Amino acid sequence: MATASDASEALLFPGVAVWLGAMVPKRWAKRAVTRNTIKRQIYTLGSELSASLEPRAHVVRLRSGFDRAQFPSATSDALKAAVRSELQLLFARARPPVVVSTKP
């Protein structure tokens, strides 16, 4: 029997697919160009790794800022590399565990 939550999920996310959302608040990234750069990194890496993610909605939210003294340019290669390395760790945690059967 289908529940009300099943029906609402069917309306929000039709089909079986990986859905990816990004939240980058002004509190942690003051400049719009920085927020957009971070979002682009999220969507790019998410699309590269979508085959290894479970088919569901995934939301990536920036929870702390990047130091402007360390990354003075909003689109610097250093900032992109730092964001990408953190995202790779995050997406690695989001992948389903690999179950190895010990049965012959």
C-alpha atoms as a PDB file:
ATOM      1  CA  MET A   1       0.000   0.000   0.000  1.00  0.00           C
ATOM      2  CA  ALA A   2       1.422   3.396  -0.968  1.00  0.00           C
ATOM      3  CA  THR A   3       1.736   6.010   1.735  1.00  0.00           C
ATOM      4  CA  ALA A   4       1.373   9.776   1.468  1.00  0.00           C
ATOM      5  CA  SER A   5       5.153  10.233   1.628  1.00  0.00           C
ATOM      6  CA  ASP A   6       5.595   7.819  -1.296  1.00  0.00           C
ATOM      7  CA  ALA A   7       3.212   9.914  -3.343  1.00  0.00           C
ATOM      8  CA  SER A   8       4.958  13.190  -2.494  1.00  0.00           C
ATOM      9  CA  GLU A   9       8.379  11.711  -3.311  1.00  0.00           C
ATOM     10  CA  ALA A  10       7.039  10.502  -6.653  1.00  0.00           C
ATOM     11  CA  LEU A  11       5.962  14.055  -7.474  1.00  0.00           C
ATOM     12  CA  LEU A  12       9.244  15.649  -6.385  1.00  0.00           C
ATOM     13  CA  PHE A  13      11.658  13.183  -7.959  1.00  0.00           C
ATOM     14  CA  PRO A  14      10.073  11.308 -10.873  1.00  0.00           C
ATOM     15  CA  GLY A  15      11.923   8.223 -12.022  1.00  0.00           C
ATOM     16  CA  VAL A  16      14.941   6.528 -10.537  1.00  0.00           C
ATOM     17  CA  ALA A  17      17.901   8.874 -10.865  1.00  0.00           C
ATOM     18  CA  VAL A  18      20.581  10.735  -8.983  1.00  0.00           C
ATOM     19  CA  TRP A  19      19.404  14.255  -8.140  1.00  0.00           C
ATOM     20  CA  LEU A  20      21.973  16.779  -6.941  1.00  0.00           C
ATOM     21  CA  GLY A  21      21.404  20.115  -5.229  1.00  0.00           C
ATOM     22  CA  ALA A  22      23.881  22.713  -3.964  1.00  0.00           C
ATOM     23  CA  MET A  23      23.472  25.255  -1.169  1.00  0.00           C
ATOM     24  CA  VAL A  24      26.226  27.840  -0.770  1.00  0.00           C
ATOM     25  CA  PRO A  25      25.052  30.587   1.621  1.00  0.00           C
ATOM     26  CA  LYS A  26      26.389  34.141   1.617  1.00  0.00           C
ATOM     27  CA  ARG A  27      27.407  33.644   5.216  1.00  0.00           C
ATOM     28  CA  TRP A  28      30.277  31.360   4.156  1.00  0.00           C
ATOM     29  CA  ALA A  29      31.063  32.704   0.675  1.00  0.00           C
ATOM     30  CA  LYS A  30      30.516  36.458   0.521  1.00  0.00           C
ATOM     31  CA  ARG A  31      31.226  36.998  -3.164  1.00  0.00           C
ATOM     32  CA  ALA A  32      28.798  35.698  -5.786  1.00  0.00           C
ATOM     33  CA  VAL A  33      31.668  34.614  -8.018  1.00  0.00           C
ATOM     34  CA  THR A  34      32.984  32.407  -5.182  1.00  0.00           C
ATOM     35  CA  ARG A  35      29.554  30.873  -4.573  1.00  0.00           C
ATOM     36  CA  ASN A  36      29.131  30.181  -8.285  1.00  0.00           C
ATOM     37  CA  THR A  37      32.605  28.635  -8.523  1.00  0.00           C
ATOM     38  CA  ILE A  38      31.848  26.330  -5.602  1.00  0.00           C
ATOM     39  CA  LYS A  39      28.470  25.354  -7.092  1.00  0.00           C
ATOM     40  CA  ARG A  40      30.098  24.595 -10.453  1.00  0.00           C
ATOM     41  CA  GLN A  41      32.595  22.334  -8.684  1.00  0.00           C
ATOM     42  CA  ILE A  42      29.742  20.538  -6.892  1.00  0.00           C
ATOM     43  CA  TYR A  43      27.755  19.950 -10.083  1.00  0.00           C
ATOM     44  CA  THR A  44      30.809  18.976 -12.158  1.00  0.00           C
ATOM     45  CA  LEU A  45      32.110  16.423  -9.680  1.00  0.00           C
ATOM     46  CA  GLY A  46      28.582  15.208  -8.968  1.00  0.00           C
ATOM     47  CA  SER A  47      27.960  14.487 -12.635  1.00  0.00           C
ATOM     48  CA  GLU A  48      31.324  12.691 -12.923  1.00  0.00           C
ATOM     49  CA  LEU A  49      30.513  10.481  -9.919  1.00  0.00           C
ATOM     50  CA  SER A  50      26.768  10.064 -10.464  1.00  0.00           C
ATOM     51  CA  ALA A  51      27.172   6.474 -11.645  1.00  0.00           C
ATOM     52  CA  SER A  52      28.616   5.492  -8.258  1.00  0.00           C
ATOM     53  CA  LEU A  53      25.960   7.287  -6.171  1.00  0.00           C
ATOM     54  CA  GLU A  54      22.679   5.793  -5.031  1.00  0.00           C
ATOM     55  CA  PRO A  55      19.668   6.912  -7.083  1.00  0.00           C
ATOM     56  CA  ARG A  56      18.162   9.490  -4.729  1.00  0.00           C
ATOM     57  CA  ALA A  57      18.302  13.207  -3.989  1.00  0.00           C
ATOM     58  CA  HIS A  58      21.658  14.424  -2.650  1.00  0.00           C
ATOM     59  CA  VAL A  59      22.129  17.937  -1.261  1.00  0.00           C
ATOM     60  CA  VAL A  60      25.562  19.460  -0.719  1.00  0.00           C
ATOM     61  CA  ARG A  61      25.605  22.390   1.708  1.00  0.00           C
ATOM     62  CA  LEU A  62      28.599  24.563   2.516  1.00  0.00           C
ATOM     63  CA  ARG A  63      28.916  24.542   6.310  1.00  0.00           C
ATOM     64  CA  SER A  64      32.045  26.624   6.800  1.00  0.00           C
ATOM     65  CA  GLY A  65      33.855  29.318   4.901  1.00  0.00           C
ATOM     66  CA  PHE A  66      37.036  29.415   2.907  1.00  0.00           C
ATOM     67  CA  ASP A  67      39.554  31.920   4.273  1.00  0.00           C
ATOM     68  CA  ARG A  68      39.818  34.954   1.968  1.00  0.00           C
ATOM     69  CA  ALA A  69      43.413  35.468   3.091  1.00  0.00           C
ATOM     70  CA  GLN A  70      44.323  31.979   1.893  1.00  0.00           C
ATOM     71  CA  PHE A  71      42.244  32.255  -1.317  1.00  0.00           C
ATOM     72  CA  PRO A  72      42.298  35.942  -2.358  1.00  0.00           C
ATOM     73  CA  SER A  73      41.011  35.200  -5.858  1.00  0.00           C
ATOM     74  CA  ALA A  74      37.455  33.930  -6.005  1.00  0.00           C
ATOM     75  CA  THR A  75      38.237  31.688  -8.955  1.00  0.00           C
ATOM     76  CA  SER A  76      41.818  30.692  -8.156  1.00  0.00           C
ATOM     77  CA  ASP A  77      43.102  27.235  -8.986  1.00  0.00           C
ATOM     78  CA  ALA A  78      43.981  26.795  -5.301  1.00  0.00           C
ATOM     79  CA  LEU A  79      40.370  27.394  -4.248  1.00  0.00           C
ATOM     80  CA  LYS A  80      39.067  25.032  -6.920  1.00  0.00           C
ATOM     81  CA  ALA A  81      41.519  22.332  -5.821  1.00  0.00           C
ATOM     82  CA  ALA A  82      40.578  22.759  -2.148  1.00  0.00           C
ATOM     83  CA  VAL A  83      36.855  22.571  -2.932  1.00  0.00           C
ATOM     84  CA  ARG A  84      37.348  19.569  -5.218  1.00  0.00           C
ATOM     85  CA  SER A  85      39.346  17.613  -2.620  1.00  0.00           C
ATOM     86  CA  GLU A  86      36.697  18.196   0.062  1.00  0.00           C
ATOM     87  CA  LEU A  87      33.938  17.222  -2.355  1.00  0.00           C
ATOM     88  CA  GLN A  88      35.735  14.006  -3.292  1.00  0.00           C
ATOM     89  CA  LEU A  89      35.845  13.036   0.392  1.00  0.00           C
ATOM     90  CA  LEU A  90      32.183  13.921   0.802  1.00  0.00           C
ATOM     91  CA  PHE A  91      31.047  11.978  -2.257  1.00  0.00           C
ATOM     92  CA  ALA A  92      33.160   8.993  -1.154  1.00  0.00           C
ATOM     93  CA  ARG A  93      31.120   8.918   2.063  1.00  0.00           C
ATOM     94  CA  ALA A  94      27.868   9.123   0.072  1.00  0.00           C
ATOM     95  CA  ARG A  95      28.623   6.052  -2.028  1.00  0.00           C
ATOM     96  CA  PRO A  96      26.875   2.862  -0.989  1.00  0.00           C
ATOM     97  CA  PRO A  97      29.096   0.368   0.826  1.00  0.00           C
ATOM     98  CA  VAL A  98      30.423  -2.533  -1.179  1.00  0.00           C
ATOM     99  CA  VAL A  99      29.148  -5.816   0.242  1.00  0.00           C
ATOM    100  CA  VAL A 100      31.426  -8.760  -0.322  1.00  0.00           C
ATOM    101  CA  SER A 101      29.796 -12.143  -0.055  1.00  0.00           C
ATOM    102  CA  THR A 102      31.803 -14.888   1.630  1.00  0.00           C
ATOM    103  CA  LYS A 103      29.551 -17.639   0.343  1.00  0.00           C
ATOM    104  CA  PRO A 104      31.050 -19.861  -2.372  1.00  0.00           C
END
